[in-house]
Structure formats: C-alpha cells, structure tokens
Amino acid sequence: MAEFPALNCQSVSYATLLFPNGTTNPPHTHPRAAELLFLVDGELQVGFVDTAGKLYAQTLQVGDMFVFPKGLVHFQYNAGTSYAIALSAFGSASAGTVSLPGTLFATGIDDAVLAKSFKTDVGVIQKLKAGLAVKP
C-alpha cells in the first residue's frame, strides 16, 4: 500500500522480488494471505511445506507460476547462474511476513528452549544466533 495506495482496502497487494544468483528468500510465512508468484526472468527453485509435513517443490522457468497457500512455510532460491526476477501477488493488502530464521533466532527465545526444540546443544544455537545478528 505504501508504494501503490490504490490497493488500500482492495484485499490485494504485490511485490517485485529480485534474486541475484545464489540468493534465497529464506523460509517464511504470510499469515494473512496466499501468494501467487510469477517468474519474469531467470530460474527459481520454490517450495512449501503443508500441514502434514510434505514438501511441494518445483524449479520454475520464465513464465511459470506457483501458489503458496496462506500461512504455510515456503521459500524461494536462485540456484541458477543469472539473476531471477519474480512478481508476487497476495490476497490481502496486508499479507504480513514471518521470517523463520529471524523469528526463531533473533527475537530472544531462550537458547535452552531452542536447543531442546532442535535437538541440539546451546552452542549450536548461539552460533546460529550470531550468524543472524545485525552487523554494525
């Protein structure tokens, strides 16, 4: 809405996604909208995990579309050798984004809770948190 105010109260929004080769849009969710992604240029690996834990993944080519259901964890990854450009449309003017790495490792959840949840030790959790820390 900030970039295109005409979308206000229309229950839709969009985003342009630019992926240099080797980059990812890490696992995340949109709690208030499904997402329809259209690949404009390049190649992009995409996928989502359903509520039964099944992964649905595909490598998109120019002109392909992929739907990420509302609220499900999904990702995009450019494993290609050139830039990838995609357009995403959302079924909400305020889809929201919950990035899993940031939500889990950069919000102050206790290291012991995370270590038990991921069946690892606190040292591994601290390394993950350090890798996600904002660099000054």
N, C-alpha and C. Protein backbone atom coordinates (compact mmCIF):
# COMPACT_ATOMS: atom_id res chain seq x y z
N MET A 1 0.83 -1.20 0.00
CA MET A 1 0.00 0.00 0.00
C MET A 1 0.87 1.26 0.00
N ALA A 2 2.02 1.20 0.67
CA ALA A 2 2.87 2.38 0.74
C ALA A 2 3.35 2.82 -0.65
N GLU A 3 3.60 1.86 -1.53
CA GLU A 3 4.10 2.18 -2.85
C GLU A 3 2.99 2.39 -3.87
N PHE A 4 1.82 1.83 -3.63
CA PHE A 4 0.71 1.93 -4.57
C PHE A 4 -0.58 2.06 -3.76
N PRO A 5 -0.90 3.28 -3.26
CA PRO A 5 -2.03 3.48 -2.34
C PRO A 5 -3.38 3.03 -2.90
N ALA A 6 -3.53 2.91 -4.20
CA ALA A 6 -4.80 2.48 -4.77
C ALA A 6 -5.19 1.07 -4.31
N LEU A 7 -4.21 0.32 -3.79
CA LEU A 7 -4.50 -1.03 -3.30
C LEU A 7 -5.19 -1.02 -1.94
N ASN A 8 -5.19 0.13 -1.25
CA ASN A 8 -5.79 0.21 0.08
C ASN A 8 -7.25 -0.26 0.04
N CYS A 9 -7.58 -1.19 0.91
CA CYS A 9 -8.93 -1.75 1.06
C CYS A 9 -9.36 -2.61 -0.13
N GLN A 10 -8.44 -3.02 -0.98
CA GLN A 10 -8.79 -3.83 -2.15
C GLN A 10 -8.51 -5.32 -1.94
N SER A 11 -7.97 -5.68 -0.80
CA SER A 11 -7.66 -7.08 -0.47
C SER A 11 -6.64 -7.70 -1.41
N VAL A 12 -5.76 -6.89 -1.99
CA VAL A 12 -4.67 -7.39 -2.81
C VAL A 12 -3.42 -6.55 -2.57
N SER A 13 -2.28 -7.13 -2.83
CA SER A 13 -1.01 -6.39 -2.83
C SER A 13 -0.05 -7.16 -3.71
N TYR A 14 1.10 -6.55 -3.98
CA TYR A 14 2.08 -7.21 -4.83
C TYR A 14 3.48 -6.84 -4.37
N ALA A 15 4.45 -7.61 -4.84
CA ALA A 15 5.85 -7.33 -4.56
C ALA A 15 6.67 -7.78 -5.76
N THR A 16 7.76 -7.06 -6.02
CA THR A 16 8.74 -7.47 -7.01
C THR A 16 9.90 -8.08 -6.25
N LEU A 17 10.30 -9.28 -6.63
CA LEU A 17 11.38 -9.99 -5.94
C LEU A 17 12.57 -10.11 -6.88
N LEU A 18 13.73 -9.65 -6.43
CA LEU A 18 14.95 -9.69 -7.22
C LEU A 18 15.92 -10.65 -6.54
N PHE A 19 16.41 -11.65 -7.28
CA PHE A 19 17.28 -12.68 -6.73
C PHE A 19 18.58 -12.75 -7.51
N PRO A 20 19.67 -12.15 -7.01
CA PRO A 20 20.97 -12.43 -7.63
C PRO A 20 21.25 -13.94 -7.51
N ASN A 21 22.08 -14.48 -8.41
CA ASN A 21 22.32 -15.92 -8.34
C ASN A 21 22.90 -16.29 -6.97
N GLY A 22 22.45 -17.44 -6.47
CA GLY A 22 22.92 -17.94 -5.18
C GLY A 22 22.19 -17.38 -3.98
N THR A 23 21.15 -16.57 -4.19
CA THR A 23 20.45 -15.98 -3.04
C THR A 23 19.12 -16.68 -2.79
N THR A 24 18.61 -16.47 -1.58
CA THR A 24 17.37 -17.10 -1.18
C THR A 24 16.46 -16.11 -0.47
N ASN A 25 15.19 -16.40 -0.54
CA ASN A 25 14.21 -15.77 0.33
C ASN A 25 13.93 -16.87 1.35
N PRO A 26 14.52 -16.77 2.55
CA PRO A 26 14.51 -17.91 3.48
C PRO A 26 13.10 -18.32 3.88
N PRO A 27 12.96 -19.51 4.46
CA PRO A 27 11.64 -19.99 4.88
C PRO A 27 10.88 -18.93 5.68
N HIS A 28 9.62 -18.72 5.25
CA HIS A 28 8.78 -17.69 5.87
C HIS A 28 7.32 -18.04 5.63
N THR A 29 6.44 -17.29 6.25
CA THR A 29 5.00 -17.45 6.04
C THR A 29 4.37 -16.08 5.83
N HIS A 30 3.18 -16.10 5.27
CA HIS A 30 2.33 -14.90 5.18
C HIS A 30 1.04 -15.28 5.91
N PRO A 31 0.87 -14.79 7.13
CA PRO A 31 -0.27 -15.24 7.94
C PRO A 31 -1.64 -14.78 7.46
N ARG A 32 -1.69 -13.76 6.60
CA ARG A 32 -2.99 -13.23 6.20
C ARG A 32 -3.28 -13.35 4.70
N ALA A 33 -2.47 -14.12 3.95
CA ALA A 33 -2.72 -14.20 2.51
C ALA A 33 -2.00 -15.36 1.86
N ALA A 34 -2.62 -15.88 0.81
CA ALA A 34 -1.93 -16.77 -0.11
C ALA A 34 -1.08 -15.89 -1.02
N GLU A 35 -0.08 -16.53 -1.66
CA GLU A 35 0.81 -15.80 -2.56
C GLU A 35 0.84 -16.50 -3.90
N LEU A 36 0.71 -15.73 -4.97
CA LEU A 36 0.85 -16.24 -6.33
C LEU A 36 2.11 -15.62 -6.90
N LEU A 37 3.11 -16.46 -7.21
CA LEU A 37 4.40 -15.98 -7.70
C LEU A 37 4.50 -16.27 -9.20
N PHE A 38 4.89 -15.26 -9.98
CA PHE A 38 5.08 -15.38 -11.42
C PHE A 38 6.54 -15.06 -11.73
N LEU A 39 7.24 -15.99 -12.39
CA LEU A 39 8.66 -15.79 -12.71
C LEU A 39 8.80 -15.04 -14.02
N VAL A 40 9.43 -13.87 -13.95
CA VAL A 40 9.61 -12.98 -15.09
C VAL A 40 10.92 -13.27 -15.83
N ASP A 41 11.97 -13.58 -15.06
CA ASP A 41 13.28 -13.79 -15.67
C ASP A 41 14.09 -14.77 -14.83
N GLY A 42 14.93 -15.56 -15.46
CA GLY A 42 15.82 -16.47 -14.75
C GLY A 42 15.17 -17.80 -14.44
N GLU A 43 15.66 -18.42 -13.39
CA GLU A 43 15.19 -19.72 -12.92
C GLU A 43 15.12 -19.64 -11.39
N LEU A 44 14.13 -20.29 -10.79
CA LEU A 44 13.94 -20.17 -9.35
C LEU A 44 13.41 -21.49 -8.77
N GLN A 45 14.07 -21.96 -7.73
CA GLN A 45 13.56 -23.12 -7.01
C GLN A 45 12.61 -22.60 -5.92
N VAL A 46 11.42 -23.19 -5.84
CA VAL A 46 10.42 -22.75 -4.87
C VAL A 46 9.81 -23.97 -4.20
N GLY A 47 9.21 -23.74 -3.04
CA GLY A 47 8.52 -24.84 -2.40
C GLY A 47 7.80 -24.38 -1.15
N PHE A 48 6.85 -25.23 -0.70
CA PHE A 48 6.17 -25.01 0.57
C PHE A 48 5.97 -26.35 1.24
N VAL A 49 5.75 -26.29 2.55
CA VAL A 49 5.50 -27.49 3.34
C VAL A 49 4.08 -27.42 3.86
N ASP A 50 3.29 -28.48 3.61
CA ASP A 50 1.90 -28.47 4.05
C ASP A 50 1.81 -28.84 5.54
N THR A 51 0.60 -28.86 6.06
CA THR A 51 0.41 -29.11 7.50
C THR A 51 0.70 -30.54 7.90
N ALA A 52 0.85 -31.45 6.93
CA ALA A 52 1.24 -32.83 7.22
C ALA A 52 2.75 -33.01 7.12
N GLY A 53 3.48 -31.93 6.82
CA GLY A 53 4.93 -32.00 6.72
C GLY A 53 5.44 -32.42 5.36
N LYS A 54 4.58 -32.41 4.33
CA LYS A 54 5.00 -32.79 2.99
C LYS A 54 5.51 -31.56 2.23
N LEU A 55 6.68 -31.71 1.61
CA LEU A 55 7.27 -30.64 0.81
C LEU A 55 6.76 -30.72 -0.62
N TYR A 56 6.30 -29.59 -1.14
CA TYR A 56 5.92 -29.44 -2.54
C TYR A 56 6.92 -28.46 -3.13
N ALA A 57 7.78 -28.93 -4.04
CA ALA A 57 8.83 -28.07 -4.59
C ALA A 57 8.87 -28.20 -6.10
N GLN A 58 9.38 -27.15 -6.74
CA GLN A 58 9.45 -27.12 -8.19
C GLN A 58 10.53 -26.13 -8.60
N THR A 59 11.15 -26.36 -9.74
CA THR A 59 12.05 -25.37 -10.33
C THR A 59 11.26 -24.64 -11.41
N LEU A 60 11.11 -23.34 -11.23
CA LEU A 60 10.34 -22.52 -12.17
C LEU A 60 11.22 -22.00 -13.29
N GLN A 61 10.64 -21.93 -14.47
CA GLN A 61 11.26 -21.32 -15.64
C GLN A 61 10.46 -20.05 -15.98
N VAL A 62 11.01 -19.19 -16.81
CA VAL A 62 10.34 -17.95 -17.19
C VAL A 62 8.91 -18.25 -17.65
N GLY A 63 7.95 -17.51 -17.09
CA GLY A 63 6.54 -17.67 -17.44
C GLY A 63 5.78 -18.60 -16.53
N ASP A 64 6.49 -19.37 -15.67
CA ASP A 64 5.82 -20.27 -14.73
C ASP A 64 5.24 -19.51 -13.55
N MET A 65 4.21 -20.11 -12.95
CA MET A 65 3.58 -19.56 -11.75
C MET A 65 3.56 -20.64 -10.67
N PHE A 66 3.50 -20.21 -9.41
CA PHE A 66 3.43 -21.14 -8.29
C PHE A 66 2.60 -20.48 -7.20
N VAL A 67 1.77 -21.26 -6.52
CA VAL A 67 0.93 -20.74 -5.45
C VAL A 67 1.45 -21.25 -4.11
N PHE A 68 1.61 -20.33 -3.16
CA PHE A 68 1.95 -20.66 -1.79
C PHE A 68 0.69 -20.44 -0.95
N PRO A 69 0.11 -21.50 -0.38
CA PRO A 69 -1.11 -21.33 0.41
C PRO A 69 -0.90 -20.45 1.64
N LYS A 70 -1.93 -19.78 2.01
CA LYS A 70 -1.94 -18.87 3.17
C LYS A 70 -1.40 -19.58 4.42
N GLY A 71 -0.44 -18.93 5.08
CA GLY A 71 0.04 -19.39 6.37
C GLY A 71 1.05 -20.52 6.34
N LEU A 72 1.34 -21.10 5.17
CA LEU A 72 2.27 -22.23 5.13
C LEU A 72 3.71 -21.76 4.90
N VAL A 73 4.65 -22.49 5.49
CA VAL A 73 6.07 -22.16 5.35
C VAL A 73 6.48 -22.41 3.90
N HIS A 74 7.17 -21.42 3.31
CA HIS A 74 7.64 -21.54 1.95
C HIS A 74 8.94 -20.78 1.73
N PHE A 75 9.56 -20.99 0.57
CA PHE A 75 10.86 -20.38 0.28
C PHE A 75 11.01 -20.21 -1.23
N GLN A 76 12.01 -19.40 -1.60
CA GLN A 76 12.46 -19.28 -2.98
C GLN A 76 13.99 -19.27 -2.95
N TYR A 77 14.61 -19.90 -3.97
CA TYR A 77 16.07 -19.97 -4.03
C TYR A 77 16.52 -19.91 -5.48
N ASN A 78 17.46 -19.01 -5.76
CA ASN A 78 18.01 -18.89 -7.10
C ASN A 78 19.31 -19.70 -7.17
N ALA A 79 19.22 -20.93 -7.64
CA ALA A 79 20.39 -21.79 -7.81
C ALA A 79 21.01 -21.61 -9.19
N GLY A 80 20.42 -20.77 -10.00
CA GLY A 80 20.89 -20.55 -11.36
C GLY A 80 22.15 -19.72 -11.42
N THR A 81 22.58 -19.44 -12.64
CA THR A 81 23.82 -18.68 -12.84
C THR A 81 23.55 -17.21 -13.20
N SER A 82 22.28 -16.83 -13.29
CA SER A 82 21.95 -15.44 -13.61
C SER A 82 20.87 -14.94 -12.66
N TYR A 83 20.60 -13.66 -12.77
CA TYR A 83 19.57 -13.00 -11.97
C TYR A 83 18.20 -13.66 -12.21
N ALA A 84 17.37 -13.69 -11.19
CA ALA A 84 15.97 -14.11 -11.33
C ALA A 84 15.09 -12.97 -10.83
N ILE A 85 13.99 -12.75 -11.53
CA ILE A 85 13.04 -11.70 -11.16
C ILE A 85 11.66 -12.33 -11.13
N ALA A 86 10.94 -12.07 -10.03
CA ALA A 86 9.59 -12.62 -9.89
C ALA A 86 8.64 -11.53 -9.39
N LEU A 87 7.37 -11.70 -9.71
CA LEU A 87 6.31 -10.85 -9.18
C LEU A 87 5.43 -11.71 -8.30
N SER A 88 5.13 -11.21 -7.12
CA SER A 88 4.24 -11.92 -6.21
C SER A 88 2.99 -11.10 -5.97
N ALA A 89 1.85 -11.77 -6.04
CA ALA A 89 0.57 -11.14 -5.73
C ALA A 89 0.01 -11.82 -4.50
N PHE A 90 -0.56 -11.02 -3.61
CA PHE A 90 -1.10 -11.52 -2.35
C PHE A 90 -2.59 -11.23 -2.26
N GLY A 91 -3.33 -12.10 -1.63
CA GLY A 91 -4.76 -11.92 -1.46
C GLY A 91 -5.11 -11.10 -0.24
N SER A 92 -4.30 -10.10 0.05
CA SER A 92 -4.54 -9.19 1.18
C SER A 92 -3.72 -7.93 0.94
N ALA A 93 -4.25 -6.81 1.38
CA ALA A 93 -3.49 -5.57 1.32
C ALA A 93 -2.41 -5.56 2.40
N SER A 94 -2.50 -6.49 3.35
CA SER A 94 -1.54 -6.58 4.44
C SER A 94 -1.25 -8.06 4.75
N ALA A 95 -0.51 -8.71 3.84
CA ALA A 95 -0.26 -10.15 3.95
C ALA A 95 0.57 -10.51 5.18
N GLY A 96 1.49 -9.62 5.56
CA GLY A 96 2.41 -9.91 6.66
C GLY A 96 3.45 -10.92 6.24
N THR A 97 4.61 -10.85 6.84
CA THR A 97 5.68 -11.82 6.59
C THR A 97 6.31 -12.20 7.92
N VAL A 98 6.40 -13.50 8.16
CA VAL A 98 7.07 -14.03 9.35
C VAL A 98 8.25 -14.84 8.85
N SER A 99 9.46 -14.28 8.97
CA SER A 99 10.69 -14.96 8.56
C SER A 99 11.11 -15.92 9.66
N LEU A 100 11.21 -17.20 9.34
CA LEU A 100 11.51 -18.19 10.38
C LEU A 100 12.89 -18.02 10.99
N PRO A 101 13.96 -17.82 10.21
CA PRO A 101 15.25 -17.65 10.87
C PRO A 101 15.26 -16.48 11.86
N GLY A 102 14.74 -15.35 11.44
CA GLY A 102 14.71 -14.18 12.32
C GLY A 102 13.80 -14.37 13.51
N THR A 103 12.63 -14.96 13.27
CA THR A 103 11.67 -15.17 14.35
C THR A 103 12.21 -16.13 15.39
N LEU A 104 12.88 -17.17 14.96
CA LEU A 104 13.38 -18.18 15.89
C LEU A 104 14.68 -17.79 16.57
N PHE A 105 15.60 -17.16 15.82
CA PHE A 105 16.94 -16.97 16.36
C PHE A 105 17.33 -15.52 16.62
N ALA A 106 16.46 -14.57 16.37
CA ALA A 106 16.82 -13.17 16.58
C ALA A 106 15.79 -12.41 17.40
N THR A 107 14.99 -13.12 18.18
CA THR A 107 13.94 -12.43 18.96
C THR A 107 14.05 -12.65 20.46
N GLY A 108 15.08 -13.34 20.91
CA GLY A 108 15.26 -13.51 22.35
C GLY A 108 14.67 -14.78 22.93
N ILE A 109 14.22 -15.71 22.09
CA ILE A 109 13.77 -17.00 22.63
C ILE A 109 14.97 -17.64 23.33
N ASP A 110 14.75 -18.16 24.52
CA ASP A 110 15.82 -18.73 25.33
C ASP A 110 16.59 -19.80 24.56
N ASP A 111 17.92 -19.76 24.68
CA ASP A 111 18.77 -20.73 23.99
C ASP A 111 18.44 -22.17 24.37
N ALA A 112 18.13 -22.41 25.62
CA ALA A 112 17.81 -23.77 26.07
C ALA A 112 16.53 -24.28 25.42
N VAL A 113 15.55 -23.41 25.27
CA VAL A 113 14.29 -23.80 24.61
C VAL A 113 14.56 -24.18 23.16
N LEU A 114 15.35 -23.36 22.46
CA LEU A 114 15.67 -23.65 21.07
C LEU A 114 16.52 -24.91 20.94
N ALA A 115 17.49 -25.09 21.84
CA ALA A 115 18.33 -26.29 21.79
C ALA A 115 17.49 -27.55 21.95
N LYS A 116 16.57 -27.54 22.89
CA LYS A 116 15.69 -28.71 23.08
C LYS A 116 14.78 -28.91 21.88
N SER A 117 14.25 -27.83 21.33
CA SER A 117 13.34 -27.90 20.19
C SER A 117 14.01 -28.48 18.96
N PHE A 118 15.29 -28.12 18.76
CA PHE A 118 16.02 -28.58 17.58
C PHE A 118 16.92 -29.77 17.87
N LYS A 119 16.80 -30.31 19.09
CA LYS A 119 17.58 -31.48 19.50
C LYS A 119 19.07 -31.29 19.26
N THR A 120 19.57 -30.16 19.74
CA THR A 120 20.98 -29.83 19.62
C THR A 120 21.44 -29.21 20.93
N ASP A 121 22.61 -28.62 20.96
CA ASP A 121 23.09 -28.01 22.19
C ASP A 121 23.06 -26.48 22.07
N VAL A 122 23.22 -25.84 23.19
CA VAL A 122 23.15 -24.38 23.27
C VAL A 122 24.23 -23.73 22.42
N GLY A 123 25.41 -24.35 22.32
CA GLY A 123 26.49 -23.79 21.50
C GLY A 123 26.09 -23.63 20.03
N VAL A 124 25.40 -24.62 19.49
CA VAL A 124 24.94 -24.55 18.10
C VAL A 124 23.92 -23.42 17.94
N ILE A 125 23.02 -23.31 18.90
CA ILE A 125 22.02 -22.23 18.86
C ILE A 125 22.71 -20.87 18.90
N GLN A 126 23.71 -20.72 19.74
CA GLN A 126 24.42 -19.45 19.83
C GLN A 126 25.15 -19.11 18.53
N LYS A 127 25.67 -20.12 17.84
CA LYS A 127 26.31 -19.88 16.55
C LYS A 127 25.29 -19.42 15.52
N LEU A 128 24.11 -20.05 15.53
CA LEU A 128 23.06 -19.63 14.62
C LEU A 128 22.64 -18.19 14.90
N LYS A 129 22.46 -17.87 16.18
CA LYS A 129 22.08 -16.51 16.54
C LYS A 129 23.14 -15.50 16.13
N ALA A 130 24.41 -15.85 16.30
CA ALA A 130 25.50 -14.95 15.93
C ALA A 130 25.50 -14.70 14.42
N GLY A 131 25.19 -15.73 13.65
CA GLY A 131 25.15 -15.57 12.20
C GLY A 131 24.02 -14.68 11.72
N LEU A 132 22.98 -14.53 12.53
CA LEU A 132 21.84 -13.71 12.16
C LEU A 132 21.88 -12.32 12.80
N ALA A 133 22.87 -12.08 13.65
CA ALA A 133 22.96 -10.79 14.33
C ALA A 133 23.18 -9.69 13.31
N VAL A 134 22.58 -8.54 13.56
CA VAL A 134 22.75 -7.38 12.71
C VAL A 134 24.17 -6.84 12.89
N LYS A 135 24.87 -6.70 11.77
CA LYS A 135 26.25 -6.19 11.81
C LYS A 135 26.22 -4.67 11.89
N PRO A 136 27.01 -4.09 12.81
CA PRO A 136 27.01 -2.63 12.94
C PRO A 136 27.64 -1.92 11.76
